């Protein structure tokens, strides 16, 4: 099945998003990330992680976990830096965000997601987020794909309500057929 994406009804971007970056790397050393992001003063970084405090320090904005705040900053951002988990990646693709993903080591789902994203050209995949990776990513100009996922939750509810008369495979095929795959390509390489 396509992902069940929270479509974030009623939220709209609050303005210029071209330089806004949403960062969600909860398993990284947050104290090591801040000096790295400080090297890119032309971008506004909104950094969410467990234990973060609400703080604005120039172009660095740390935020505690907050569903509403996170969703609004996701909508307001042009760029997303995150791990390769399914949910946030799906939401970012739905919204047409440029994505840099760092899969968690030893997590087969994350490695599989990263391989698929790379093969499809939907995201820049990095084993390590460093200055060179960020500089290259910010400087390249690929178009971010926008994936229009169907309303899977409603389709599943309707399928159950109707008595599950069609096969799961048939329902899945129908929903994937309704998925609108936007254009975009991240098939780029970085010289080490």
Protein backbone atom coordinates (compact mmCIF):
# COMPACT_ATOMS: atom_id res chain seq x y z
CA UNK A 1 0.00 0.00 0.00
CA UNK A 2 1.08 3.59 -0.44
CA UNK A 3 1.83 5.33 2.85
CA UNK A 4 -0.86 6.78 5.05
CA UNK A 5 0.23 10.40 5.03
CA UNK A 6 -1.11 12.98 7.45
CA UNK A 7 -2.34 15.49 4.90
CA UNK A 8 -2.12 18.37 7.40
CA UNK A 9 -5.44 19.98 6.54
CA UNK A 10 -5.74 23.69 7.22
CA UNK A 11 -2.03 24.47 7.45
CA UNK A 12 -0.44 26.74 4.86
CA UNK A 13 3.07 28.04 4.49
CA UNK A 14 3.75 31.23 6.44
CA UNK A 15 5.90 32.83 3.76
CA UNK A 16 9.28 32.56 2.10
CA UNK A 17 10.58 29.00 2.47
CA UNK A 18 13.54 29.06 0.07
CA UNK A 19 16.18 29.15 2.83
CA UNK A 20 14.34 27.25 5.58
CA UNK A 21 15.66 23.80 6.55
CA UNK A 22 13.82 21.34 8.81
CA UNK A 23 16.21 19.02 10.66
CA UNK A 24 15.05 15.88 12.42
CA UNK A 25 18.01 13.71 13.37
CA UNK A 26 17.03 12.55 16.87
CA UNK A 27 19.76 9.90 17.13
CA UNK A 28 22.63 12.28 16.29
CA UNK A 29 24.72 14.24 18.77
CA UNK A 30 22.82 17.54 18.75
CA UNK A 31 25.81 19.43 20.15
CA UNK A 32 27.85 18.33 17.12
CA UNK A 33 25.16 19.37 14.63
CA UNK A 34 24.87 22.98 15.77
CA UNK A 35 28.46 24.01 14.89
CA UNK A 36 28.02 22.32 11.51
CA UNK A 37 24.82 24.21 10.72
CA UNK A 38 26.35 27.44 12.02
CA UNK A 39 28.68 27.31 8.99
CA UNK A 40 25.69 27.97 6.68
CA UNK A 41 24.39 31.38 7.81
CA UNK A 42 22.29 31.89 4.67
CA UNK A 43 19.91 29.13 5.76
CA UNK A 44 17.46 29.04 8.67
CA UNK A 45 17.70 25.67 10.46
CA UNK A 46 14.74 24.43 12.53
CA UNK A 47 16.15 21.56 14.55
CA UNK A 48 13.83 19.14 16.37
CA UNK A 49 15.01 16.43 18.75
CA UNK A 50 14.01 14.89 22.06
CA UNK A 51 15.27 17.04 24.92
CA UNK A 52 15.76 20.17 22.81
CA UNK A 53 14.72 23.50 24.26
CA UNK A 54 12.91 26.24 22.39
CA UNK A 55 15.76 28.57 21.43
CA UNK A 56 16.48 31.00 18.62
CA UNK A 57 20.18 31.71 18.14
CA UNK A 58 20.65 33.67 14.92
CA UNK A 59 19.79 31.30 12.07
CA UNK A 60 19.64 28.23 14.35
CA UNK A 61 16.27 27.44 15.90
CA UNK A 62 16.12 24.46 18.25
CA UNK A 63 12.72 23.08 19.12
CA UNK A 64 11.35 20.47 21.52
CA UNK A 65 9.19 17.76 20.03
CA UNK A 66 5.82 19.20 19.06
CA UNK A 67 3.39 17.68 16.57
CA UNK A 68 1.80 20.97 15.54
CA UNK A 69 5.03 22.98 15.53
CA UNK A 70 6.85 20.26 13.60
CA UNK A 71 4.12 20.00 10.96
CA UNK A 72 4.05 23.77 10.49
CA UNK A 73 7.85 23.95 10.16
CA UNK A 74 7.74 21.03 7.70
CA UNK A 75 5.27 22.94 5.56
CA UNK A 76 7.30 26.15 5.87
CA UNK A 77 10.60 24.48 4.92
CA UNK A 78 12.07 24.01 1.47
CA UNK A 79 14.65 21.47 2.66
CA UNK A 80 14.46 18.46 5.01
CA UNK A 81 17.40 16.70 6.66
CA UNK A 82 16.36 13.50 8.42
CA UNK A 83 16.96 9.81 8.85
CA UNK A 84 15.45 7.43 6.29
CA UNK A 85 12.30 6.54 8.21
CA UNK A 86 9.14 5.96 6.19
CA UNK A 87 6.71 8.48 7.68
CA UNK A 88 8.65 11.77 7.51
CA UNK A 89 10.11 10.88 4.10
CA UNK A 90 6.59 10.19 2.78
CA UNK A 91 5.27 13.48 4.15
CA UNK A 92 8.24 15.40 2.69
CA UNK A 93 7.68 13.78 -0.72
CA UNK A 94 3.97 14.60 -0.54
CA UNK A 95 4.90 18.25 0.06
CA UNK A 96 7.65 18.37 -2.59
CA UNK A 97 10.55 19.04 -0.21
CA UNK A 98 14.22 18.56 -1.08
CA UNK A 99 15.46 15.73 1.13
CA UNK A 100 18.82 14.69 2.52
CA UNK A 101 18.51 11.38 4.35
CA UNK A 102 21.01 9.66 6.60
CA UNK A 103 19.91 6.07 7.20
CA UNK A 104 20.47 4.72 10.69
CA UNK A 105 23.18 2.08 10.70
CA UNK A 106 21.97 -1.42 11.43
CA UNK A 107 18.33 -0.57 10.68
CA UNK A 108 17.37 -2.67 7.65
CA UNK A 109 14.18 -0.65 7.02
CA UNK A 110 16.19 2.58 6.91
CA UNK A 111 18.79 1.07 4.59
CA UNK A 112 16.05 -0.27 2.28
CA UNK A 113 14.25 3.09 2.26
CA UNK A 114 17.51 4.88 1.47
CA UNK A 115 18.29 2.47 -1.38
CA UNK A 116 14.81 3.00 -2.86
CA UNK A 117 15.04 6.79 -2.51
CA UNK A 118 18.44 6.79 -4.18
CA UNK A 119 17.34 4.46 -6.99
CA UNK A 120 14.25 6.57 -7.67
CA UNK A 121 16.24 9.79 -7.49
CA UNK A 122 13.99 11.22 -4.76
CA UNK A 123 16.61 12.21 -2.16
CA UNK A 124 20.29 12.76 -1.50
CA UNK A 125 21.52 9.90 0.68
CA UNK A 126 24.49 10.42 2.99
CA UNK A 127 26.23 8.07 5.42
CA UNK A 128 27.57 11.12 7.23
CA UNK A 129 26.22 14.66 7.40
CA UNK A 130 29.23 16.96 7.13
CA UNK A 131 30.15 20.34 5.66
CA UNK A 132 30.99 18.95 2.21
CA UNK A 133 27.73 17.00 1.95
CA UNK A 134 25.66 20.02 3.00
CA UNK A 135 27.50 22.46 0.74
CA UNK A 136 27.06 20.15 -2.26
CA UNK A 137 23.39 19.56 -1.47
CA UNK A 138 22.60 23.25 -1.07
CA UNK A 139 24.47 24.15 -4.28
CA UNK A 140 22.96 21.55 -6.61
CA UNK A 141 19.69 22.45 -8.29
CA UNK A 142 17.63 19.29 -8.80
CA UNK A 143 13.88 19.63 -8.74
CA UNK A 144 12.32 18.01 -5.70
CA UNK A 145 9.70 15.45 -6.66
CA UNK A 146 6.17 15.89 -5.37
CA UNK A 147 4.33 12.64 -4.81
CA UNK A 148 0.54 12.83 -4.62
CA UNK A 149 -0.44 9.90 -2.44
CA UNK A 150 -4.12 8.95 -2.36
CA UNK A 151 -6.12 9.01 0.87
CA UNK A 152 -5.17 5.49 1.95
CA UNK A 153 -6.81 5.72 5.40
CA UNK A 154 -10.22 6.52 3.90
CA UNK A 155 -9.81 3.82 1.24
CA UNK A 156 -8.98 1.23 3.92
CA UNK A 157 -11.93 2.30 6.08
CA UNK A 158 -14.25 2.08 3.07
CA UNK A 159 -12.80 -1.34 2.15
CA UNK A 160 -13.47 -2.65 5.68
CA UNK A 161 -16.94 -1.06 5.80
CA UNK A 162 -17.82 -2.71 2.47
CA UNK A 163 -16.87 -6.13 3.86
CA UNK A 164 -13.36 -6.53 2.43
CA UNK A 165 -14.82 -7.93 -0.79
CA UNK A 166 -11.84 -7.15 -3.01
CA UNK A 167 -8.41 -8.59 -2.35
CA UNK A 168 -5.74 -6.63 -0.55
CA UNK A 169 -3.58 -6.93 -3.68
CA UNK A 170 -6.36 -5.42 -5.81
CA UNK A 171 -6.88 -2.55 -3.36
CA UNK A 172 -3.12 -1.96 -3.22
CA UNK A 173 -2.83 -1.93 -7.02
CA UNK A 174 -5.72 0.53 -7.28
CA UNK A 175 -4.18 2.89 -4.70
CA UNK A 176 -0.72 2.75 -6.26
CA UNK A 177 -2.32 3.51 -9.62
CA UNK A 178 -3.88 6.64 -8.05
CA UNK A 179 -0.48 7.81 -6.78
CA UNK A 180 0.74 10.78 -8.80
CA UNK A 181 4.50 10.67 -9.14
CA UNK A 182 5.84 14.18 -9.73
CA UNK A 183 8.97 14.89 -11.67
CA UNK A 184 12.31 15.31 -10.00
CA UNK A 185 15.74 13.83 -9.98
CA UNK A 186 18.45 13.53 -7.39
CA UNK A 187 20.66 11.34 -9.57
CA UNK A 188 23.70 13.38 -8.76
CA UNK A 189 27.08 12.42 -7.44
CA UNK A 190 29.49 14.06 -5.07
CA UNK A 191 33.20 13.82 -5.53
CA UNK A 192 34.80 12.63 -2.30
